[in-house]
Each structure stands twice: as structure tokens, then as C-alpha cells.
């Protein structure tokens, strides 16, 4: 996880992420650096203020969009996810 790419001390469970340069970064649907490629959703809260933790990521499954900790619009191609 690229700790510098996230704001705040904690990356909350449910945060959508992409992989750029081999590290997790926040998903950015308008990005052009690879961050627009959704990989999954962080499974549990991760403290990033003390370094770069290894984070578990949900790679497929059902996601209740209204319960995510950030604004998220489901992509046109849902990939391995079912959005509700």
C-alpha cells in the first residue's frame, strides 16, 4: 500500500483501490495513471501513518455502494463485482 497516496492516518475498510507501480493507491475513476483500474476494496481499516501496511483486498463479491466510506460510482463494466 502506498501510504503517501492516501489522505489521513487510516485507510478505511471498503475503500476502493487500484494498483500503480505495484502498490495500492486510491481508485480514481478519472485517473490516467492506472488508478482508474479498480482492483478491489480494502477489507479492514489500515493504519498508514506509521508506514506502508500489507492490506487485504476484496477481489470479487457483492458491494453495497451506500456503505462505502468514500463517494463511489460503480463503473460501467462491473468486473468481478455485483453492486447494490
PDB file of N, CA and C in Angstrom:
ATOM      1  N   UNK A   1       0.849  -1.163   0.000  1.00  0.00           N
ATOM      2  CA  UNK A   1       0.000   0.000   0.000  1.00  0.00           C
ATOM      3  C   UNK A   1       0.901   1.234   0.000  1.00  0.00           C
ATOM      4  N   UNK A   2       0.644   2.158  -0.900  1.00  0.00           N
ATOM      5  CA  UNK A   2       1.400   3.404  -0.964  1.00  0.00           C
ATOM      6  C   UNK A   2       0.787   4.390   0.023  1.00  0.00           C
ATOM      7  N   UNK A   3       1.339   4.454   1.215  1.00  0.00           N
ATOM      8  CA  UNK A   3       0.776   5.270   2.295  1.00  0.00           C
ATOM      9  C   UNK A   3       0.656   6.735   1.904  1.00  0.00           C
ATOM     10  N   UNK A   4       1.595   7.247   1.121  1.00  0.00           N
ATOM     11  CA  UNK A   4       1.582   8.657   0.727  1.00  0.00           C
ATOM     12  C   UNK A   4       0.429   8.999  -0.213  1.00  0.00           C
ATOM     13  N   UNK A   5      -0.134   8.005  -0.889  1.00  0.00           N
ATOM     14  CA  UNK A   5      -1.218   8.249  -1.835  1.00  0.00           C
ATOM     15  C   UNK A   5      -2.568   8.470  -1.144  1.00  0.00           C
ATOM     16  N   UNK A   6      -2.665   8.081   0.117  1.00  0.00           N
ATOM     17  CA  UNK A   6      -3.916   8.198   0.851  1.00  0.00           C
ATOM     18  C   UNK A   6      -3.872   9.400   1.784  1.00  0.00           C
ATOM     19  N   UNK A   7      -5.027  10.012   2.018  1.00  0.00           N
ATOM     20  CA  UNK A   7      -5.097  11.124   2.958  1.00  0.00           C
ATOM     21  C   UNK A   7      -5.512  10.595   4.322  1.00  0.00           C
ATOM     22  N   UNK A   8      -5.018  11.201   5.362  1.00  0.00           N
ATOM     23  CA  UNK A   8      -5.353  10.774   6.712  1.00  0.00           C
ATOM     24  C   UNK A   8      -4.440   9.681   7.201  1.00  0.00           C
ATOM     25  N   UNK A   9      -4.688   9.253   8.444  1.00  0.00           N
ATOM     26  CA  UNK A   9      -3.855   8.242   9.094  1.00  0.00           C
ATOM     27  C   UNK A   9      -4.350   6.822   8.869  1.00  0.00           C
ATOM     28  N   UNK A  10      -5.638   6.694   8.474  1.00  0.00           N
ATOM     29  CA  UNK A  10      -6.250   5.375   8.342  1.00  0.00           C
ATOM     30  C   UNK A  10      -6.922   5.244   6.983  1.00  0.00           C
ATOM     31  N   UNK A  11      -6.675   4.121   6.303  1.00  0.00           N
ATOM     32  CA  UNK A  11      -7.427   3.776   5.103  1.00  0.00           C
ATOM     33  C   UNK A  11      -8.558   2.881   5.582  1.00  0.00           C
ATOM     34  N   UNK A  12      -9.787   3.366   5.417  1.00  0.00           N
ATOM     35  CA  UNK A  12     -10.941   2.659   5.970  1.00  0.00           C
ATOM     36  C   UNK A  12     -11.328   1.441   5.154  1.00  0.00           C
ATOM     37  N   UNK A  13     -11.873   0.483   5.858  1.00  0.00           N
ATOM     38  CA  UNK A  13     -12.428  -0.701   5.223  1.00  0.00           C
ATOM     39  C   UNK A  13     -13.472  -0.261   4.199  1.00  0.00           C
ATOM     40  N   UNK A  14     -13.429  -0.861   3.022  1.00  0.00           N
ATOM     41  CA  UNK A  14     -14.373  -0.511   1.972  1.00  0.00           C
ATOM     42  C   UNK A  14     -13.834   0.491   0.967  1.00  0.00           C
ATOM     43  N   UNK A  15     -12.650   1.030   1.216  1.00  0.00           N
ATOM     44  CA  UNK A  15     -12.063   1.992   0.291  1.00  0.00           C
ATOM     45  C   UNK A  15     -11.711   1.294  -1.025  1.00  0.00           C
ATOM     46  N   UNK A  16     -12.200   1.807  -2.169  1.00  0.00           N
ATOM     47  CA  UNK A  16     -11.842   1.205  -3.452  1.00  0.00           C
ATOM     48  C   UNK A  16     -10.394   1.544  -3.805  1.00  0.00           C
ATOM     49  N   UNK A  17      -9.673   0.546  -4.338  1.00  0.00           N
ATOM     50  CA  UNK A  17      -8.257   0.739  -4.643  1.00  0.00           C
ATOM     51  C   UNK A  17      -7.893   0.223  -6.030  1.00  0.00           C
ATOM     52  N   UNK A  18      -6.790   0.768  -6.531  1.00  0.00           N
ATOM     53  CA  UNK A  18      -6.167   0.333  -7.777  1.00  0.00           C
ATOM     54  C   UNK A  18      -4.713  -0.003  -7.446  1.00  0.00           C
ATOM     55  N   UNK A  19      -4.000  -0.550  -8.406  1.00  0.00           N
ATOM     56  CA  UNK A  19      -2.573  -0.822  -8.217  1.00  0.00           C
ATOM     57  C   UNK A  19      -1.798   0.015  -9.229  1.00  0.00           C
ATOM     58  N   UNK A  20      -0.875   0.825  -8.715  1.00  0.00           N
ATOM     59  CA  UNK A  20       0.017   1.622  -9.562  1.00  0.00           C
ATOM     60  C   UNK A  20       1.433   1.402  -9.046  1.00  0.00           C
ATOM     61  N   UNK A  21       2.320   1.018  -9.922  1.00  0.00           N
ATOM     62  CA  UNK A  21       3.701   0.770  -9.519  1.00  0.00           C
ATOM     63  C   UNK A  21       3.841  -0.343  -8.506  1.00  0.00           C
ATOM     64  N   UNK A  22       2.928  -1.304  -8.538  1.00  0.00           N
ATOM     65  CA  UNK A  22       2.992  -2.442  -7.633  1.00  0.00           C
ATOM     66  C   UNK A  22       2.449  -2.189  -6.237  1.00  0.00           C
ATOM     67  N   UNK A  23       1.884  -0.995  -6.006  1.00  0.00           N
ATOM     68  CA  UNK A  23       1.332  -0.673  -4.686  1.00  0.00           C
ATOM     69  C   UNK A  23      -0.108  -0.204  -4.807  1.00  0.00           C
ATOM     70  N   UNK A  24      -0.876  -0.427  -3.739  1.00  0.00           N
ATOM     71  CA  UNK A  24      -2.261   0.023  -3.713  1.00  0.00           C
ATOM     72  C   UNK A  24      -2.333   1.529  -3.579  1.00  0.00           C
ATOM     73  N   UNK A  25      -3.219   2.129  -4.371  1.00  0.00           N
ATOM     74  CA  UNK A  25      -3.494   3.566  -4.314  1.00  0.00           C
ATOM     75  C   UNK A  25      -5.003   3.738  -4.356  1.00  0.00           C
ATOM     76  N   UNK A  26      -5.515   4.917  -3.991  1.00  0.00           N
ATOM     77  CA  UNK A  26      -6.963   5.133  -4.080  1.00  0.00           C
ATOM     78  C   UNK A  26      -7.440   5.009  -5.524  1.00  0.00           C
ATOM     79  N   UNK A  27      -8.572   4.365  -5.715  1.00  0.00           N
ATOM     80  CA  UNK A  27      -9.196   4.273  -7.029  1.00  0.00           C
ATOM     81  C   UNK A  27      -9.644   5.659  -7.452  1.00  0.00           C
ATOM     82  N   UNK A  28      -9.336   6.029  -8.684  1.00  0.00           N
ATOM     83  CA  UNK A  28      -9.718   7.329  -9.226  1.00  0.00           C
ATOM     84  C   UNK A  28     -10.317   7.090 -10.597  1.00  0.00           C
ATOM     85  N   UNK A  29     -11.646   7.150 -10.702  1.00  0.00           N
ATOM     86  CA  UNK A  29     -12.311   6.811 -11.957  1.00  0.00           C
ATOM     87  C   UNK A  29     -11.887   7.710 -13.107  1.00  0.00           C
ATOM     88  N   UNK A  30     -11.367   8.894 -12.824  1.00  0.00           N
ATOM     89  CA  UNK A  30     -10.933   9.801 -13.880  1.00  0.00           C
ATOM     90  C   UNK A  30      -9.432   9.815 -14.076  1.00  0.00           C
ATOM     91  N   UNK A  31      -8.721   8.948 -13.366  1.00  0.00           N
ATOM     92  CA  UNK A  31      -7.259   8.948 -13.441  1.00  0.00           C
ATOM     93  C   UNK A  31      -6.761   8.434 -14.777  1.00  0.00           C
ATOM     94  N   UNK A  32      -5.539   8.750 -15.094  1.00  0.00           N
ATOM     95  CA  UNK A  32      -4.935   8.245 -16.326  1.00  0.00           C
ATOM     96  C   UNK A  32      -3.581   7.605 -16.041  1.00  0.00           C
ATOM     97  N   UNK A  33      -3.305   7.357 -14.777  1.00  0.00           N
ATOM     98  CA  UNK A  33      -2.020   6.791 -14.374  1.00  0.00           C
ATOM     99  C   UNK A  33      -2.137   5.334 -13.942  1.00  0.00           C
ATOM    100  N   UNK A  34      -3.270   4.714 -14.219  1.00  0.00           N
ATOM    101  CA  UNK A  34      -3.517   3.346 -13.770  1.00  0.00           C
ATOM    102  C   UNK A  34      -4.466   3.299 -12.592  1.00  0.00           C
ATOM    103  N   UNK A  35      -4.652   4.455 -11.917  1.00  0.00           N
ATOM    104  CA  UNK A  35      -5.525   4.478 -10.743  1.00  0.00           C
ATOM    105  C   UNK A  35      -6.997   4.369 -11.116  1.00  0.00           C
ATOM    106  N   UNK A  36      -7.307   4.404 -12.427  1.00  0.00           N
ATOM    107  CA  UNK A  36      -8.693   4.253 -12.861  1.00  0.00           C
ATOM    108  C   UNK A  36      -9.071   2.795 -13.048  1.00  0.00           C
ATOM    109  N   UNK A  37      -8.120   1.877 -12.828  1.00  0.00           N
ATOM    110  CA  UNK A  37      -8.373   0.447 -12.964  1.00  0.00           C
ATOM    111  C   UNK A  37      -8.664  -0.157 -11.597  1.00  0.00           C
ATOM    112  N   UNK A  38      -9.936  -0.282 -11.284  1.00  0.00           N
ATOM    113  CA  UNK A  38     -10.354  -0.815  -9.987  1.00  0.00           C
ATOM    114  C   UNK A  38      -9.858  -2.243  -9.804  1.00  0.00           C
ATOM    115  N   UNK A  39      -9.172  -2.486  -8.680  1.00  0.00           N
ATOM    116  CA  UNK A  39      -8.704  -3.825  -8.338  1.00  0.00           C
ATOM    117  C   UNK A  39      -9.646  -4.451  -7.322  1.00  0.00           C
ATOM    118  N   UNK A  40     -10.079  -3.654  -6.342  1.00  0.00           N
ATOM    119  CA  UNK A  40     -10.950  -4.184  -5.309  1.00  0.00           C
ATOM    120  C   UNK A  40     -11.181  -3.180  -4.204  1.00  0.00           C
ATOM    121  N   UNK A  41     -11.580  -3.714  -3.040  1.00  0.00           N
ATOM    122  CA  UNK A  41     -11.942  -2.882  -1.899  1.00  0.00           C
ATOM    123  C   UNK A  41     -11.191  -3.371  -0.666  1.00  0.00           C
ATOM    124  N   UNK A  42     -10.613  -2.436   0.089  1.00  0.00           N
ATOM    125  CA  UNK A  42      -9.869  -2.773   1.295  1.00  0.00           C
ATOM    126  C   UNK A  42     -10.819  -3.470   2.271  1.00  0.00           C
ATOM    127  N   UNK A  43     -10.360  -4.569   2.872  1.00  0.00           N
ATOM    128  CA  UNK A  43     -11.210  -5.398   3.723  1.00  0.00           C
ATOM    129  C   UNK A  43     -11.298  -4.890   5.160  1.00  0.00           C
ATOM    130  N   UNK A  44     -10.239  -4.303   5.685  1.00  0.00           N
ATOM    131  CA  UNK A  44     -10.279  -3.806   7.065  1.00  0.00           C
ATOM    132  C   UNK A  44      -9.518  -2.491   7.139  1.00  0.00           C
ATOM    133  N   UNK A  45      -9.742  -1.736   8.214  1.00  0.00           N
ATOM    134  CA  UNK A  45      -9.030  -0.474   8.398  1.00  0.00           C
ATOM    135  C   UNK A  45      -7.526  -0.735   8.465  1.00  0.00           C
ATOM    136  N   UNK A  46      -6.749   0.163   7.847  1.00  0.00           N
ATOM    137  CA  UNK A  46      -5.292   0.042   7.830  1.00  0.00           C
ATOM    138  C   UNK A  46      -4.658   1.350   8.255  1.00  0.00           C
ATOM    139  N   UNK A  47      -3.808   1.303   9.260  1.00  0.00           N
ATOM    140  CA  UNK A  47      -3.094   2.476   9.745  1.00  0.00           C
ATOM    141  C   UNK A  47      -1.923   2.749   8.806  1.00  0.00           C
ATOM    142  N   UNK A  48      -1.936   3.899   8.139  1.00  0.00           N
ATOM    143  CA  UNK A  48      -0.870   4.227   7.195  1.00  0.00           C
ATOM    144  C   UNK A  48       0.052   5.321   7.717  1.00  0.00           C
ATOM    145  N   UNK A  49      -0.230   5.864   8.889  1.00  0.00           N
ATOM    146  CA  UNK A  49       0.592   6.939   9.425  1.00  0.00           C
ATOM    147  C   UNK A  49       1.963   6.441   9.881  1.00  0.00           C
ATOM    148  N   UNK A  50       2.114   5.139  10.051  1.00  0.00           N
ATOM    149  CA  UNK A  50       3.379   4.574  10.532  1.00  0.00           C
ATOM    150  C   UNK A  50       4.101   3.759   9.469  1.00  0.00           C
ATOM    151  N   UNK A  51       3.688   3.896   8.218  1.00  0.00           N
ATOM    152  CA  UNK A  51       4.356   3.152   7.158  1.00  0.00           C
ATOM    153  C   UNK A  51       3.371   2.581   6.172  1.00  0.00           C
ATOM    154  N   UNK A  52       3.821   1.590   5.437  1.00  0.00           N
ATOM    155  CA  UNK A  52       3.010   1.001   4.383  1.00  0.00           C
ATOM    156  C   UNK A  52       2.588  -0.413   4.765  1.00  0.00           C
ATOM    157  N   UNK A  53       1.370  -0.569   5.266  1.00  0.00           N
ATOM    158  CA  UNK A  53       0.923  -1.897   5.694  1.00  0.00           C
ATOM    159  C   UNK A  53       0.578  -2.790   4.502  1.00  0.00           C
ATOM    160  N   UNK A  54       0.602  -4.080   4.740  1.00  0.00           N
ATOM    161  CA  UNK A  54       0.051  -5.023   3.782  1.00  0.00           C
ATOM    162  C   UNK A  54      -1.452  -5.023   4.024  1.00  0.00           C
ATOM    163  N   UNK A  55      -2.220  -4.883   2.979  1.00  0.00           N
ATOM    164  CA  UNK A  55      -3.667  -4.777   3.142  1.00  0.00           C
ATOM    165  C   UNK A  55      -4.377  -5.909   2.421  1.00  0.00           C
ATOM    166  N   UNK A  56      -5.392  -6.455   3.066  1.00  0.00           N
ATOM    167  CA  UNK A  56      -6.248  -7.445   2.426  1.00  0.00           C
ATOM    168  C   UNK A  56      -7.244  -6.703   1.543  1.00  0.00           C
ATOM    169  N   UNK A  57      -7.489  -7.253   0.347  1.00  0.00           N
ATOM    170  CA  UNK A  57      -8.367  -6.590  -0.618  1.00  0.00           C
ATOM    171  C   UNK A  57      -9.403  -7.591  -1.119  1.00  0.00           C
ATOM    172  N   UNK A  58     -10.662  -7.179  -1.113  1.00  0.00           N
ATOM    173  CA  UNK A  58     -11.751  -7.973  -1.679  1.00  0.00           C
ATOM    174  C   UNK A  58     -11.641  -7.880  -3.198  1.00  0.00           C
ATOM    175  N   UNK A  59     -11.443  -9.015  -3.867  1.00  0.00           N
ATOM    176  CA  UNK A  59     -11.227  -9.027  -5.308  1.00  0.00           C
ATOM    177  C   UNK A  59     -12.476  -9.353  -6.112  1.00  0.00           C
ATOM    178  N   UNK A  60     -13.483  -9.915  -5.468  1.00  0.00           N
ATOM    179  CA  UNK A  60     -14.755 -10.190  -6.135  1.00  0.00           C
ATOM    180  C   UNK A  60     -15.820 -10.372  -5.073  1.00  0.00           C
ATOM    181  N   UNK A  61     -17.049 -10.076  -5.439  1.00  0.00           N
ATOM    182  CA  UNK A  61     -18.146 -10.235  -4.494  1.00  0.00           C
ATOM    183  C   UNK A  61     -19.178  -9.139  -4.645  1.00  0.00           C
ATOM    184  N   UNK A  62     -20.031  -9.029  -3.643  1.00  0.00           N
ATOM    185  CA  UNK A  62     -21.086  -8.018  -3.638  1.00  0.00           C
ATOM    186  C   UNK A  62     -20.644  -6.819  -2.821  1.00  0.00           C
ATOM    187  N   UNK A  63     -20.933  -5.634  -3.346  1.00  0.00           N
ATOM    188  CA  UNK A  63     -20.564  -4.393  -2.680  1.00  0.00           C
ATOM    189  C   UNK A  63     -21.810  -3.525  -2.549  1.00  0.00           C
ATOM    190  N   UNK A  64     -22.112  -3.110  -1.323  1.00  0.00           N
ATOM    191  CA  UNK A  64     -23.227  -2.195  -1.092  1.00  0.00           C
ATOM    192  C   UNK A  64     -22.651  -0.782  -1.135  1.00  0.00           C
ATOM    193  N   UNK A  65     -22.852  -0.119  -2.255  1.00  0.00           N
ATOM    194  CA  UNK A  65     -22.209   1.165  -2.538  1.00  0.00           C
ATOM    195  C   UNK A  65     -22.495   2.208  -1.462  1.00  0.00           C
ATOM    196  N   UNK A  66     -23.715   2.262  -0.958  1.00  0.00           N
ATOM    197  CA  UNK A  66     -24.061   3.289   0.036  1.00  0.00           C
ATOM    198  C   UNK A  66     -23.307   3.110   1.353  1.00  0.00           C
ATOM    199  N   UNK A  67     -22.713   1.942   1.593  1.00  0.00           N
ATOM    200  CA  UNK A  67     -21.977   1.704   2.831  1.00  0.00           C
ATOM    201  C   UNK A  67     -20.475   1.971   2.710  1.00  0.00           C
ATOM    202  N   UNK A  68     -20.000   2.327   1.523  1.00  0.00           N
ATOM    203  CA  UNK A  68     -18.578   2.595   1.347  1.00  0.00           C
ATOM    204  C   UNK A  68     -18.200   3.904   2.036  1.00  0.00           C
ATOM    205  N   UNK A  69     -16.953   4.033   2.514  1.00  0.00           N
ATOM    206  CA  UNK A  69     -16.546   5.223   3.248  1.00  0.00           C
ATOM    207  C   UNK A  69     -16.225   6.425   2.366  1.00  0.00           C
ATOM    208  N   UNK A  70     -16.288   6.260   1.041  1.00  0.00           N
ATOM    209  CA  UNK A  70     -15.985   7.346   0.106  1.00  0.00           C
ATOM    210  C   UNK A  70     -17.065   7.406  -0.967  1.00  0.00           C
ATOM    211  N   UNK A  71     -17.122   8.532  -1.681  1.00  0.00           N
ATOM    212  CA  UNK A  71     -18.023   8.634  -2.828  1.00  0.00           C
ATOM    213  C   UNK A  71     -17.555   7.636  -3.883  1.00  0.00           C
ATOM    214  N   UNK A  72     -18.494   6.866  -4.424  1.00  0.00           N
ATOM    215  CA  UNK A  72     -18.123   5.858  -5.402  1.00  0.00           C
ATOM    216  C   UNK A  72     -19.259   5.679  -6.386  1.00  0.00           C
ATOM    217  N   UNK A  73     -18.918   5.722  -7.658  1.00  0.00           N
ATOM    218  CA  UNK A  73     -19.870   5.425  -8.714  1.00  0.00           C
ATOM    219  C   UNK A  73     -19.430   4.126  -9.363  1.00  0.00           C
ATOM    220  N   UNK A  74     -20.320   3.163  -9.375  1.00  0.00           N
ATOM    221  CA  UNK A  74     -19.980   1.859  -9.938  1.00  0.00           C
ATOM    222  C   UNK A  74     -19.610   2.022 -11.408  1.00  0.00           C
ATOM    223  N   UNK A  75     -18.510   1.399 -11.843  1.00  0.00           N
ATOM    224  CA  UNK A  75     -18.100   1.507 -13.244  1.00  0.00           C
ATOM    225  C   UNK A  75     -19.082   0.805 -14.172  1.00  0.00           C
ATOM    226  N   UNK A  76     -19.079   1.207 -15.437  1.00  0.00           N
ATOM    227  CA  UNK A  76     -19.974   0.598 -16.424  1.00  0.00           C
ATOM    228  C   UNK A  76     -19.694  -0.895 -16.563  1.00  0.00           C
ATOM    229  N   UNK A  77     -18.429  -1.270 -16.502  1.00  0.00           N
ATOM    230  CA  UNK A  77     -18.049  -2.677 -16.518  1.00  0.00           C
ATOM    231  C   UNK A  77     -17.813  -3.103 -15.075  1.00  0.00           C
ATOM    232  N   UNK A  78     -18.733  -3.865 -14.486  1.00  0.00           N
ATOM    233  CA  UNK A  78     -18.621  -4.194 -13.072  1.00  0.00           C
ATOM    234  C   UNK A  78     -17.491  -5.157 -12.735  1.00  0.00           C
ATOM    235  N   UNK A  79     -16.910  -5.787 -13.750  1.00  0.00           N
ATOM    236  CA  UNK A  79     -15.831  -6.734 -13.480  1.00  0.00           C
ATOM    237  C   UNK A  79     -16.318  -7.882 -12.621  1.00  0.00           C
ATOM    238  N   UNK A  80     -15.629  -8.168 -11.536  1.00  0.00           N
ATOM    239  CA  UNK A  80     -15.947  -9.279 -10.658  1.00  0.00           C
ATOM    240  C   UNK A  80     -16.883  -8.913  -9.521  1.00  0.00           C
ATOM    241  N   UNK A  81     -17.522  -7.740  -9.617  1.00  0.00           N
ATOM    242  CA  UNK A  81     -18.349  -7.269  -8.509  1.00  0.00           C
ATOM    243  C   UNK A  81     -19.817  -7.141  -8.904  1.00  0.00           C
ATOM    244  N   UNK A  82     -20.669  -7.303  -7.918  1.00  0.00           N
ATOM    245  CA  UNK A  82     -22.097  -7.011  -8.045  1.00  0.00           C
ATOM    246  C   UNK A  82     -22.331  -5.815  -7.138  1.00  0.00           C
ATOM    247  N   UNK A  83     -22.797  -4.716  -7.713  1.00  0.00           N
ATOM    248  CA  UNK A  83     -23.032  -3.509  -6.921  1.00  0.00           C
ATOM    249  C   UNK A  83     -24.511  -3.402  -6.590  1.00  0.00           C
ATOM    250  N   UNK A  84     -24.780  -3.117  -5.322  1.00  0.00           N
ATOM    251  CA  UNK A  84     -26.166  -2.962  -4.881  1.00  0.00           C
ATOM    252  C   UNK A  84     -26.315  -1.648  -4.185  1.00  0.00           C
TER     253      UNK A  84
END
